[in-house]
Amino acid sequence: MAKEARTKKAAEKAPSFEEALAEIEDSVAAIEAGELPLDEVIKRFKSCSTLIAQCKDMLKEVQQQIDILDGKDK
């Protein structure tokens, strides 16, 4: 039960796929502009790595749902 509460709490904090993608795009644009100090570049890179992992997890879950609906459940 405690694990479910933590998972629910984490899901509430996690951005939606669209929000995460927008944040990644903003960070990439800022990094590519070349005007950020190195520590900010590293901070944004780490944040983007986390967001990319979250997006991959969301896409995996959606693919699993699609497979179930298509009868391709493994």
Protein backbone atom coordinates (compact mmCIF):
# COMPACT_ATOMS: atom_id res chain seq x y z
CA MET A 1 0.00 0.00 0.00
CA ALA A 2 2.86 2.39 0.76
CA LYS A 3 4.37 1.66 -2.66
CA GLU A 4 1.08 2.59 -4.34
CA ALA A 5 1.01 5.88 -2.43
CA ARG A 6 4.57 6.67 -3.50
CA THR A 7 3.81 5.75 -7.12
CA LYS A 8 0.69 7.92 -7.11
CA LYS A 9 2.60 10.80 -5.52
CA ALA A 10 5.39 10.47 -8.12
CA ALA A 11 2.83 10.42 -10.93
CA GLU A 12 1.28 13.62 -9.60
CA LYS A 13 4.68 15.34 -9.72
CA ALA A 14 5.68 13.95 -13.12
CA PRO A 15 4.86 16.18 -16.07
CA SER A 16 2.63 14.96 -18.85
CA PHE A 17 4.30 13.66 -21.99
CA GLU A 18 3.60 16.94 -23.77
CA GLU A 19 4.94 19.02 -20.87
CA ALA A 20 8.09 16.93 -20.66
CA LEU A 21 8.65 17.14 -24.41
CA ALA A 22 8.22 20.92 -24.35
CA GLU A 23 10.70 21.22 -21.49
CA ILE A 24 13.20 19.04 -23.35
CA GLU A 25 12.80 21.13 -26.49
CA ASP A 26 13.27 24.36 -24.53
CA SER A 27 16.40 23.06 -22.84
CA VAL A 28 17.89 21.79 -26.10
CA ALA A 29 17.28 25.16 -27.75
CA ALA A 30 18.89 26.98 -24.82
CA ILE A 31 21.90 24.65 -24.83
CA GLU A 32 22.30 24.93 -28.60
CA ALA A 33 22.23 28.72 -28.35
CA GLY A 34 25.52 28.43 -26.49
CA GLU A 35 24.87 31.23 -24.05
CA LEU A 36 24.37 29.23 -20.85
CA PRO A 37 27.11 28.78 -18.26
CA LEU A 38 28.49 25.25 -18.04
CA ASP A 39 26.81 24.46 -14.71
CA GLU A 40 23.40 25.36 -16.19
CA VAL A 41 24.09 23.20 -19.25
CA ILE A 42 24.90 20.25 -17.00
CA LYS A 43 21.80 20.88 -14.86
CA ARG A 44 19.56 20.98 -17.95
CA PHE A 45 21.25 17.93 -19.46
CA LYS A 46 20.55 15.93 -16.28
CA SER A 47 16.97 17.16 -16.20
CA CYS A 48 16.49 16.22 -19.85
CA SER A 49 17.91 12.75 -19.22
CA THR A 50 15.32 12.22 -16.50
CA LEU A 51 12.51 13.60 -18.66
CA ILE A 52 13.53 11.40 -21.59
CA ALA A 53 13.42 8.32 -19.36
CA GLN A 54 9.94 9.33 -18.14
CA CYS A 55 8.77 9.84 -21.73
CA LYS A 56 10.11 6.43 -22.74
CA ASP A 57 8.23 4.83 -19.84
CA MET A 58 5.02 6.62 -20.83
CA LEU A 59 5.39 5.52 -24.45
CA LYS A 60 6.05 1.95 -23.36
CA GLU A 61 2.87 1.94 -21.27
CA VAL A 62 0.84 3.33 -24.17
CA GLN A 63 2.31 0.72 -26.53
CA GLN A 64 1.32 -2.02 -24.08
CA GLN A 65 -2.23 -0.66 -23.99
CA ILE A 66 -2.35 -0.56 -27.79
CA ASP A 67 -1.05 -4.13 -28.00
CA ILE A 68 -3.78 -5.26 -25.60
CA LEU A 69 -6.46 -3.48 -27.60
CA ASP A 70 -5.12 -4.94 -30.87
CA GLY A 71 -5.01 -8.42 -29.38
CA LYS A 72 -1.22 -8.52 -29.53
CA ASP A 73 -0.87 -8.95 -25.79
CA LYS A 74 2.35 -10.80 -25.02
